N, C-alpha and C. Protein backbone atom coordinates (compact mmCIF):
# COMPACT_ATOMS: atom_id res chain seq x y z
N UNK A 1 -37.22 -40.39 86.28
CA UNK A 1 -36.09 -39.63 86.75
C UNK A 1 -35.28 -40.53 87.68
N UNK A 2 -33.97 -40.59 87.51
CA UNK A 2 -33.15 -41.44 88.37
C UNK A 2 -32.79 -40.76 89.70
N UNK A 3 -32.45 -41.60 90.67
CA UNK A 3 -31.90 -41.10 91.93
C UNK A 3 -30.71 -41.97 92.30
N UNK A 4 -29.87 -41.43 93.16
CA UNK A 4 -28.73 -42.18 93.69
C UNK A 4 -28.56 -41.82 95.16
N UNK A 5 -28.14 -42.80 95.94
CA UNK A 5 -27.79 -42.57 97.33
C UNK A 5 -26.27 -42.48 97.41
N UNK A 6 -25.77 -41.63 98.31
CA UNK A 6 -24.32 -41.45 98.43
C UNK A 6 -23.97 -41.07 99.86
N UNK A 7 -22.74 -41.38 100.25
CA UNK A 7 -22.30 -41.13 101.62
C UNK A 7 -21.66 -39.76 101.76
N UNK A 8 -21.91 -39.13 102.91
CA UNK A 8 -21.30 -37.85 103.27
C UNK A 8 -20.89 -37.94 104.74
N UNK A 9 -20.20 -36.90 105.22
CA UNK A 9 -19.82 -36.89 106.63
C UNK A 9 -21.04 -36.80 107.55
N UNK A 10 -22.18 -36.35 107.05
CA UNK A 10 -23.40 -36.31 107.85
C UNK A 10 -24.14 -37.64 107.83
N UNK A 11 -23.82 -38.49 106.88
CA UNK A 11 -24.53 -39.75 106.69
C UNK A 11 -24.92 -39.90 105.23
N UNK A 12 -25.71 -40.92 104.96
CA UNK A 12 -26.13 -41.20 103.58
C UNK A 12 -27.17 -40.19 103.13
N UNK A 13 -26.95 -39.61 101.95
CA UNK A 13 -27.86 -38.64 101.33
C UNK A 13 -28.39 -39.22 100.03
N UNK A 14 -29.33 -38.54 99.42
CA UNK A 14 -29.87 -38.95 98.14
C UNK A 14 -30.04 -37.76 97.22
N UNK A 15 -30.04 -38.03 95.92
CA UNK A 15 -30.17 -36.98 94.91
C UNK A 15 -30.96 -37.54 93.74
N UNK A 16 -31.95 -36.79 93.26
CA UNK A 16 -32.71 -37.15 92.05
C UNK A 16 -32.44 -36.08 91.00
N UNK A 17 -32.36 -36.50 89.75
CA UNK A 17 -32.01 -35.56 88.68
C UNK A 17 -32.66 -35.94 87.36
N UNK A 18 -32.67 -34.95 86.47
CA UNK A 18 -33.05 -35.16 85.08
C UNK A 18 -31.86 -34.72 84.23
N UNK A 19 -32.01 -34.79 82.93
CA UNK A 19 -30.93 -34.32 82.06
C UNK A 19 -30.74 -32.81 82.16
N UNK A 20 -31.74 -32.10 82.72
CA UNK A 20 -31.66 -30.64 82.84
C UNK A 20 -31.10 -30.17 84.17
N UNK A 21 -31.14 -31.00 85.21
CA UNK A 21 -30.63 -30.57 86.50
C UNK A 21 -31.13 -31.41 87.65
N UNK A 22 -30.73 -31.02 88.85
CA UNK A 22 -31.09 -31.73 90.07
C UNK A 22 -32.50 -31.32 90.48
N UNK A 23 -33.33 -32.30 90.83
CA UNK A 23 -34.72 -32.04 91.22
C UNK A 23 -34.96 -32.22 92.71
N UNK A 24 -34.13 -33.02 93.37
CA UNK A 24 -34.34 -33.27 94.80
C UNK A 24 -33.04 -33.69 95.45
N UNK A 25 -32.87 -33.26 96.69
CA UNK A 25 -31.77 -33.71 97.54
C UNK A 25 -32.39 -34.16 98.85
N UNK A 26 -32.01 -35.34 99.30
CA UNK A 26 -32.47 -35.86 100.59
C UNK A 26 -31.29 -35.90 101.54
N UNK A 27 -31.42 -35.23 102.67
CA UNK A 27 -30.38 -35.26 103.69
C UNK A 27 -30.55 -36.52 104.53
N UNK A 28 -29.55 -36.89 105.33
CA UNK A 28 -29.56 -38.19 106.00
C UNK A 28 -30.81 -38.49 106.83
N UNK A 29 -31.33 -39.66 106.58
CA UNK A 29 -32.43 -40.25 107.34
C UNK A 29 -32.41 -41.74 107.01
N UNK A 30 -33.20 -42.56 107.68
CA UNK A 30 -33.20 -43.98 107.34
C UNK A 30 -33.42 -44.19 105.84
N UNK A 31 -32.73 -45.17 105.29
CA UNK A 31 -32.74 -45.39 103.84
C UNK A 31 -34.15 -45.55 103.29
N UNK A 32 -35.01 -46.30 103.96
CA UNK A 32 -36.38 -46.50 103.46
C UNK A 32 -37.12 -45.17 103.35
N UNK A 33 -36.96 -44.31 104.35
CA UNK A 33 -37.63 -43.00 104.32
C UNK A 33 -37.06 -42.13 103.21
N UNK A 34 -35.76 -42.21 103.00
CA UNK A 34 -35.12 -41.41 101.95
C UNK A 34 -35.61 -41.85 100.57
N UNK A 35 -35.67 -43.15 100.36
CA UNK A 35 -36.14 -43.67 99.07
C UNK A 35 -37.61 -43.28 98.85
N UNK A 36 -38.42 -43.34 99.91
CA UNK A 36 -39.83 -42.93 99.80
C UNK A 36 -39.92 -41.45 99.43
N UNK A 37 -39.08 -40.61 100.04
CA UNK A 37 -39.07 -39.18 99.71
C UNK A 37 -38.72 -38.98 98.23
N UNK A 38 -37.67 -39.64 97.77
CA UNK A 38 -37.25 -39.49 96.38
C UNK A 38 -38.30 -40.06 95.42
N UNK A 39 -39.01 -41.09 95.84
CA UNK A 39 -40.07 -41.66 95.00
C UNK A 39 -41.21 -40.66 94.79
N UNK A 40 -41.38 -39.72 95.73
CA UNK A 40 -42.38 -38.66 95.55
C UNK A 40 -42.09 -37.82 94.31
N UNK A 41 -40.85 -37.86 93.84
CA UNK A 41 -40.45 -37.13 92.63
C UNK A 41 -40.46 -38.07 91.42
N UNK A 42 -41.11 -39.23 91.56
CA UNK A 42 -41.15 -40.25 90.51
C UNK A 42 -39.75 -40.72 90.13
N UNK A 43 -38.87 -40.78 91.12
CA UNK A 43 -37.49 -41.18 90.87
C UNK A 43 -37.33 -42.69 91.08
N UNK A 44 -36.46 -43.28 90.27
CA UNK A 44 -36.08 -44.69 90.40
C UNK A 44 -34.56 -44.77 90.46
N UNK A 45 -34.05 -45.81 91.07
CA UNK A 45 -32.61 -45.94 91.25
C UNK A 45 -31.88 -45.86 89.91
N UNK A 46 -30.78 -45.13 89.90
CA UNK A 46 -29.98 -44.95 88.69
C UNK A 46 -28.51 -44.79 89.04
N UNK A 47 -27.70 -44.66 88.02
CA UNK A 47 -26.27 -44.46 88.19
C UNK A 47 -25.94 -43.03 87.79
N UNK A 48 -25.39 -42.26 88.74
CA UNK A 48 -25.11 -40.85 88.43
C UNK A 48 -23.94 -40.69 87.47
N UNK A 49 -24.08 -39.74 86.57
CA UNK A 49 -22.98 -39.34 85.71
C UNK A 49 -23.19 -37.87 85.39
N UNK A 50 -22.25 -37.25 84.74
CA UNK A 50 -22.39 -35.86 84.32
C UNK A 50 -22.77 -34.94 85.45
N UNK A 51 -23.84 -34.18 85.25
CA UNK A 51 -24.22 -33.17 86.23
C UNK A 51 -24.60 -33.78 87.57
N UNK A 52 -25.20 -34.96 87.58
CA UNK A 52 -25.56 -35.60 88.86
C UNK A 52 -24.31 -35.96 89.65
N UNK A 53 -23.31 -36.50 88.97
CA UNK A 53 -22.06 -36.86 89.64
C UNK A 53 -21.36 -35.61 90.17
N UNK A 54 -21.36 -34.54 89.38
CA UNK A 54 -20.76 -33.28 89.83
C UNK A 54 -21.49 -32.74 91.06
N UNK A 55 -22.82 -32.82 91.07
CA UNK A 55 -23.60 -32.35 92.22
C UNK A 55 -23.29 -33.19 93.45
N UNK A 56 -23.25 -34.49 93.29
CA UNK A 56 -22.94 -35.38 94.42
C UNK A 56 -21.56 -35.08 94.97
N UNK A 57 -20.57 -34.97 94.10
CA UNK A 57 -19.20 -34.67 94.55
C UNK A 57 -19.14 -33.31 95.24
N UNK A 58 -19.89 -32.33 94.75
CA UNK A 58 -19.92 -31.01 95.38
C UNK A 58 -20.55 -31.05 96.76
N UNK A 59 -21.66 -31.78 96.88
CA UNK A 59 -22.32 -31.91 98.19
C UNK A 59 -21.39 -32.63 99.17
N UNK A 60 -20.76 -33.71 98.71
CA UNK A 60 -19.83 -34.43 99.58
C UNK A 60 -18.69 -33.52 100.05
N UNK A 61 -18.14 -32.75 99.13
CA UNK A 61 -17.03 -31.85 99.48
C UNK A 61 -17.49 -30.78 100.45
N UNK A 62 -18.63 -30.16 100.18
CA UNK A 62 -19.13 -29.11 101.07
C UNK A 62 -19.38 -29.66 102.47
N UNK A 63 -19.99 -30.83 102.57
CA UNK A 63 -20.28 -31.41 103.88
C UNK A 63 -19.04 -31.99 104.55
N UNK A 64 -17.94 -32.05 103.81
CA UNK A 64 -16.67 -32.48 104.38
C UNK A 64 -15.84 -31.27 104.82
N UNK A 65 -16.37 -30.07 104.61
CA UNK A 65 -15.69 -28.86 105.05
C UNK A 65 -14.91 -28.14 103.97
N UNK A 66 -14.95 -28.63 102.75
CA UNK A 66 -14.26 -27.96 101.65
C UNK A 66 -15.06 -26.75 101.19
N UNK A 67 -14.40 -25.85 100.52
CA UNK A 67 -15.05 -24.63 100.02
C UNK A 67 -15.72 -24.89 98.68
N UNK A 68 -16.51 -25.95 98.60
CA UNK A 68 -17.20 -26.29 97.36
C UNK A 68 -18.25 -25.23 97.03
N UNK A 69 -18.35 -24.89 95.76
CA UNK A 69 -19.33 -23.91 95.29
C UNK A 69 -20.37 -24.65 94.46
N UNK A 70 -21.58 -24.71 94.97
CA UNK A 70 -22.66 -25.41 94.28
C UNK A 70 -23.57 -24.47 93.50
N UNK A 71 -23.18 -23.20 93.41
CA UNK A 71 -24.07 -22.20 92.80
C UNK A 71 -24.30 -22.42 91.31
N UNK A 72 -23.44 -23.17 90.65
CA UNK A 72 -23.64 -23.40 89.22
C UNK A 72 -24.30 -24.75 88.92
N UNK A 73 -24.61 -25.52 89.95
CA UNK A 73 -25.29 -26.80 89.72
C UNK A 73 -26.71 -26.49 89.23
N UNK A 74 -27.08 -26.97 88.04
CA UNK A 74 -28.42 -26.69 87.55
C UNK A 74 -29.49 -27.41 88.38
N UNK A 75 -30.58 -26.71 88.64
CA UNK A 75 -31.70 -27.31 89.37
C UNK A 75 -32.96 -27.19 88.53
N UNK A 76 -33.85 -28.15 88.69
CA UNK A 76 -35.13 -28.16 88.00
C UNK A 76 -36.20 -28.10 89.08
N UNK A 77 -36.88 -26.97 89.16
CA UNK A 77 -37.83 -26.74 90.24
C UNK A 77 -39.20 -26.38 89.69
N UNK A 78 -40.22 -27.02 90.22
CA UNK A 78 -41.61 -26.69 89.88
C UNK A 78 -42.18 -25.97 91.10
N UNK A 79 -41.91 -24.65 91.17
CA UNK A 79 -42.27 -23.86 92.36
C UNK A 79 -42.91 -22.54 91.93
N UNK A 80 -43.50 -21.86 92.90
CA UNK A 80 -44.11 -20.55 92.64
C UNK A 80 -43.03 -19.51 92.35
N UNK A 81 -43.44 -18.39 91.79
CA UNK A 81 -42.49 -17.30 91.52
C UNK A 81 -41.88 -16.77 92.82
N UNK A 82 -42.70 -16.70 93.88
CA UNK A 82 -42.17 -16.24 95.16
C UNK A 82 -41.09 -17.20 95.68
N UNK A 83 -41.39 -18.50 95.67
CA UNK A 83 -40.39 -19.47 96.13
C UNK A 83 -39.13 -19.38 95.28
N UNK A 84 -39.29 -19.24 93.97
CA UNK A 84 -38.13 -19.14 93.07
C UNK A 84 -37.28 -17.92 93.44
N UNK A 85 -37.93 -16.79 93.72
CA UNK A 85 -37.19 -15.58 94.11
C UNK A 85 -36.44 -15.80 95.43
N UNK A 86 -37.11 -16.44 96.38
CA UNK A 86 -36.46 -16.75 97.66
C UNK A 86 -35.25 -17.65 97.44
N UNK A 87 -35.40 -18.66 96.58
CA UNK A 87 -34.30 -19.59 96.33
C UNK A 87 -33.14 -18.89 95.63
N UNK A 88 -33.43 -17.96 94.73
CA UNK A 88 -32.35 -17.22 94.06
C UNK A 88 -31.54 -16.40 95.05
N UNK A 89 -32.22 -15.70 95.96
CA UNK A 89 -31.50 -14.91 96.97
C UNK A 89 -30.72 -15.85 97.88
N UNK A 90 -31.35 -16.92 98.32
CA UNK A 90 -30.70 -17.87 99.23
C UNK A 90 -29.48 -18.49 98.57
N UNK A 91 -29.59 -18.79 97.31
CA UNK A 91 -28.47 -19.42 96.60
C UNK A 91 -27.28 -18.49 96.47
N UNK A 92 -27.51 -17.20 96.60
CA UNK A 92 -26.41 -16.23 96.47
C UNK A 92 -25.65 -16.02 97.79
N UNK A 93 -26.12 -16.62 98.88
CA UNK A 93 -25.44 -16.46 100.17
C UNK A 93 -24.17 -17.31 100.14
N UNK A 94 -23.00 -16.68 100.29
CA UNK A 94 -21.76 -17.45 100.21
C UNK A 94 -21.54 -18.36 101.42
N UNK A 95 -20.77 -19.39 101.20
CA UNK A 95 -20.36 -20.30 102.28
C UNK A 95 -19.74 -19.48 103.41
N UNK A 96 -20.10 -19.81 104.63
CA UNK A 96 -19.56 -19.11 105.79
C UNK A 96 -20.34 -17.87 106.17
N UNK A 97 -21.37 -17.52 105.40
CA UNK A 97 -22.19 -16.33 105.66
C UNK A 97 -23.63 -16.75 105.90
N UNK A 98 -24.40 -15.84 106.46
CA UNK A 98 -25.82 -16.08 106.67
C UNK A 98 -26.61 -14.80 106.39
N UNK A 99 -27.90 -14.96 106.17
CA UNK A 99 -28.86 -13.86 106.14
C UNK A 99 -30.01 -14.25 107.06
N UNK A 100 -30.79 -13.27 107.47
CA UNK A 100 -31.99 -13.58 108.25
C UNK A 100 -33.17 -13.78 107.30
N UNK A 101 -34.21 -14.42 107.82
CA UNK A 101 -35.44 -14.57 107.05
C UNK A 101 -35.94 -13.20 106.60
N UNK A 102 -35.85 -12.22 107.50
CA UNK A 102 -36.30 -10.87 107.18
C UNK A 102 -35.49 -10.23 106.08
N UNK A 103 -34.17 -10.45 106.08
CA UNK A 103 -33.31 -9.89 105.03
C UNK A 103 -33.64 -10.51 103.68
N UNK A 104 -33.88 -11.81 103.66
CA UNK A 104 -34.27 -12.46 102.40
C UNK A 104 -35.61 -11.90 101.93
N UNK A 105 -36.55 -11.73 102.86
CA UNK A 105 -37.86 -11.17 102.51
C UNK A 105 -37.70 -9.78 101.88
N UNK A 106 -36.85 -8.96 102.47
CA UNK A 106 -36.62 -7.61 101.93
C UNK A 106 -36.02 -7.69 100.54
N UNK A 107 -35.09 -8.62 100.33
CA UNK A 107 -34.44 -8.78 99.02
C UNK A 107 -35.43 -9.15 97.93
N UNK A 108 -36.47 -9.91 98.28
CA UNK A 108 -37.45 -10.32 97.27
C UNK A 108 -38.64 -9.36 97.20
N UNK A 109 -38.53 -8.22 97.89
CA UNK A 109 -39.56 -7.20 97.80
C UNK A 109 -40.74 -7.39 98.72
N UNK A 110 -40.60 -8.24 99.73
CA UNK A 110 -41.67 -8.45 100.71
C UNK A 110 -41.11 -8.26 102.12
N UNK A 111 -40.79 -7.01 102.49
CA UNK A 111 -40.10 -6.76 103.76
C UNK A 111 -40.82 -7.29 105.00
N UNK A 112 -42.10 -7.50 104.93
CA UNK A 112 -42.84 -8.06 106.07
C UNK A 112 -43.08 -9.56 105.89
N UNK A 113 -42.36 -10.18 104.98
CA UNK A 113 -42.62 -11.56 104.61
C UNK A 113 -41.67 -12.60 105.18
N UNK A 114 -41.10 -12.37 106.35
CA UNK A 114 -40.14 -13.33 106.91
C UNK A 114 -40.76 -14.71 107.08
N UNK A 115 -42.00 -14.79 107.55
CA UNK A 115 -42.65 -16.10 107.72
C UNK A 115 -42.88 -16.78 106.37
N UNK A 116 -43.23 -16.02 105.36
CA UNK A 116 -43.42 -16.59 104.03
C UNK A 116 -42.09 -17.13 103.49
N UNK A 117 -41.00 -16.43 103.78
CA UNK A 117 -39.67 -16.93 103.39
C UNK A 117 -39.40 -18.25 104.09
N UNK A 118 -39.71 -18.33 105.39
CA UNK A 118 -39.54 -19.59 106.12
C UNK A 118 -40.34 -20.71 105.49
N UNK A 119 -41.55 -20.41 105.07
CA UNK A 119 -42.38 -21.42 104.40
C UNK A 119 -41.76 -21.88 103.09
N UNK A 120 -41.27 -20.93 102.30
CA UNK A 120 -40.63 -21.29 101.03
C UNK A 120 -39.40 -22.16 101.27
N UNK A 121 -38.60 -21.79 102.25
CA UNK A 121 -37.39 -22.57 102.53
C UNK A 121 -37.74 -23.95 103.08
N UNK A 122 -38.85 -24.05 103.79
CA UNK A 122 -39.31 -25.35 104.27
C UNK A 122 -39.73 -26.27 103.14
N UNK A 123 -40.05 -25.70 101.99
CA UNK A 123 -40.43 -26.49 100.80
C UNK A 123 -39.25 -26.72 99.86
N UNK A 124 -38.08 -26.23 100.20
CA UNK A 124 -36.91 -26.33 99.33
C UNK A 124 -36.60 -27.80 99.02
N UNK A 125 -36.74 -28.21 97.77
CA UNK A 125 -36.49 -29.62 97.44
C UNK A 125 -35.01 -29.96 97.27
N UNK A 126 -34.14 -28.96 97.24
CA UNK A 126 -32.72 -29.22 97.00
C UNK A 126 -31.84 -28.55 98.07
N UNK A 127 -32.04 -28.94 99.36
CA UNK A 127 -31.21 -28.34 100.40
C UNK A 127 -29.73 -28.61 100.13
N UNK A 128 -28.91 -27.75 100.59
CA UNK A 128 -27.46 -27.67 100.40
C UNK A 128 -27.16 -27.04 99.05
N UNK A 129 -27.78 -27.49 97.95
CA UNK A 129 -27.58 -26.81 96.67
C UNK A 129 -28.20 -25.42 96.75
N UNK A 130 -29.43 -25.34 97.22
CA UNK A 130 -30.00 -24.04 97.63
C UNK A 130 -29.83 -24.05 99.14
N UNK A 131 -28.84 -23.30 99.65
CA UNK A 131 -28.40 -23.45 101.04
C UNK A 131 -29.33 -22.79 102.07
N UNK A 132 -30.51 -23.37 102.23
CA UNK A 132 -31.49 -22.82 103.17
C UNK A 132 -30.97 -22.84 104.60
N UNK A 133 -29.97 -23.66 104.88
CA UNK A 133 -29.38 -23.68 106.22
C UNK A 133 -28.67 -22.37 106.55
N UNK A 134 -28.39 -21.55 105.55
CA UNK A 134 -27.70 -20.27 105.76
C UNK A 134 -28.66 -19.13 106.10
N UNK A 135 -29.94 -19.43 106.25
CA UNK A 135 -30.93 -18.41 106.59
C UNK A 135 -31.34 -18.63 108.05
N UNK A 136 -31.17 -17.57 108.84
CA UNK A 136 -31.41 -17.64 110.28
C UNK A 136 -32.53 -16.70 110.69
N UNK A 137 -33.04 -16.92 111.89
CA UNK A 137 -34.04 -16.03 112.45
C UNK A 137 -33.39 -14.74 112.93
N UNK A 138 -34.23 -13.81 113.32
CA UNK A 138 -33.74 -12.54 113.88
C UNK A 138 -32.88 -12.86 115.10
N UNK A 139 -31.81 -12.10 115.29
CA UNK A 139 -30.91 -12.35 116.41
C UNK A 139 -30.07 -13.59 116.23
N UNK A 140 -29.95 -14.06 114.99
CA UNK A 140 -29.16 -15.25 114.65
C UNK A 140 -29.69 -16.53 115.29
N UNK A 141 -31.00 -16.55 115.57
CA UNK A 141 -31.62 -17.78 116.05
C UNK A 141 -31.62 -18.78 114.90
N UNK A 142 -31.43 -20.04 115.22
CA UNK A 142 -31.34 -21.06 114.18
C UNK A 142 -32.63 -21.13 113.36
N UNK A 143 -33.76 -21.00 114.00
CA UNK A 143 -35.02 -21.11 113.27
C UNK A 143 -35.28 -22.56 112.90
N UNK A 144 -36.15 -22.78 111.97
CA UNK A 144 -36.51 -24.13 111.58
C UNK A 144 -35.60 -24.70 110.51
N UNK A 145 -35.73 -26.00 110.31
CA UNK A 145 -35.02 -26.69 109.23
C UNK A 145 -35.82 -27.94 108.95
N UNK A 146 -36.35 -28.05 107.74
CA UNK A 146 -37.29 -29.13 107.44
C UNK A 146 -36.62 -30.47 107.17
N UNK A 147 -35.31 -30.50 107.03
CA UNK A 147 -34.62 -31.75 106.76
C UNK A 147 -34.58 -32.62 108.02
N UNK A 148 -34.38 -33.91 107.85
CA UNK A 148 -34.26 -34.78 109.02
C UNK A 148 -33.20 -34.25 109.99
N UNK A 149 -33.49 -34.34 111.26
CA UNK A 149 -32.58 -33.82 112.27
C UNK A 149 -32.88 -32.38 112.64
N UNK A 150 -33.71 -31.71 111.84
CA UNK A 150 -34.15 -30.36 112.14
C UNK A 150 -33.03 -29.39 112.42
N UNK A 151 -33.21 -28.59 113.47
CA UNK A 151 -32.28 -27.51 113.79
C UNK A 151 -30.88 -28.03 114.09
N UNK A 152 -30.76 -29.23 114.68
CA UNK A 152 -29.41 -29.73 114.97
C UNK A 152 -28.64 -30.03 113.69
N UNK A 153 -29.32 -30.51 112.65
CA UNK A 153 -28.66 -30.72 111.36
C UNK A 153 -28.23 -29.38 110.77
N UNK A 154 -29.10 -28.39 110.86
CA UNK A 154 -28.78 -27.05 110.36
C UNK A 154 -27.55 -26.51 111.07
N UNK A 155 -27.50 -26.63 112.40
CA UNK A 155 -26.34 -26.15 113.16
C UNK A 155 -25.07 -26.90 112.77
N UNK A 156 -25.20 -28.18 112.55
CA UNK A 156 -24.03 -28.98 112.17
C UNK A 156 -23.47 -28.54 110.81
N UNK A 157 -24.35 -28.28 109.85
CA UNK A 157 -23.88 -27.83 108.53
C UNK A 157 -23.24 -26.45 108.66
N UNK A 158 -23.84 -25.56 109.43
CA UNK A 158 -23.26 -24.23 109.63
C UNK A 158 -21.88 -24.33 110.28
N UNK A 159 -21.72 -25.24 111.23
CA UNK A 159 -20.41 -25.44 111.87
C UNK A 159 -19.40 -25.97 110.86
N UNK A 160 -19.81 -26.92 110.02
CA UNK A 160 -18.92 -27.46 108.98
C UNK A 160 -18.46 -26.34 108.06
N UNK A 161 -19.37 -25.41 107.74
CA UNK A 161 -19.04 -24.31 106.84
C UNK A 161 -18.25 -23.19 107.53
N UNK A 162 -18.06 -23.31 108.84
CA UNK A 162 -17.27 -22.31 109.55
C UNK A 162 -18.00 -21.03 109.86
N UNK A 163 -19.33 -21.08 109.94
CA UNK A 163 -20.10 -19.88 110.28
C UNK A 163 -19.83 -19.54 111.74
N UNK A 164 -19.47 -18.31 111.99
CA UNK A 164 -19.16 -17.84 113.34
C UNK A 164 -20.35 -18.06 114.27
N UNK A 165 -20.05 -18.61 115.45
CA UNK A 165 -21.09 -18.84 116.44
C UNK A 165 -21.67 -20.23 116.40
N UNK A 166 -21.25 -21.06 115.48
CA UNK A 166 -21.74 -22.43 115.37
C UNK A 166 -20.56 -23.39 115.40
N UNK A 167 -20.48 -24.16 116.47
CA UNK A 167 -19.45 -25.17 116.55
C UNK A 167 -18.20 -24.78 117.30
N UNK A 168 -18.02 -23.49 117.63
CA UNK A 168 -16.84 -23.12 118.38
C UNK A 168 -17.09 -23.31 119.87
N UNK A 169 -16.06 -23.67 120.61
CA UNK A 169 -16.24 -23.74 122.06
C UNK A 169 -16.47 -22.35 122.63
N UNK A 170 -17.25 -22.27 123.67
CA UNK A 170 -17.51 -20.98 124.32
C UNK A 170 -17.09 -21.06 125.78
N UNK A 171 -16.94 -19.93 126.41
CA UNK A 171 -16.57 -19.90 127.82
C UNK A 171 -17.75 -20.20 128.72
N UNK A 172 -18.95 -19.97 128.24
CA UNK A 172 -20.13 -20.14 129.10
C UNK A 172 -21.15 -21.04 128.47
């Protein structure tokens, strides 16, 4: 499976894909660490075209503040049925909006499963395409974010997307 590194406003990212869809997205971190992460998917350097190029351009646009819609980018995921259900709900959250871990849990039929939702999102191999950054803790707490930079990266993406309460100046 090929991978490509590409630049965004957050820094250099990576993407691995097959002919069926995107299998992994790596958010900015040192290049060696990013390549090691993508190698975990048996990926080797390649030249993006077709769906991979569309996914890269969409990620770049979204992280640049454009209203890019990545919901139709095909993904190839080897995950449990629960994780798949969590990813489907998460993928339906529109740009500029958020849900809580508890709300996602309720949507997938596990109303007491907020922590399990957090675990599934922590395993999300295609962040931004499946916008796990749009899922917050109760009371709009940022919660965790497994990508490099953790919660600060999550807050930065939410600010780029114009989510209320992230990135605006406050009086206090």
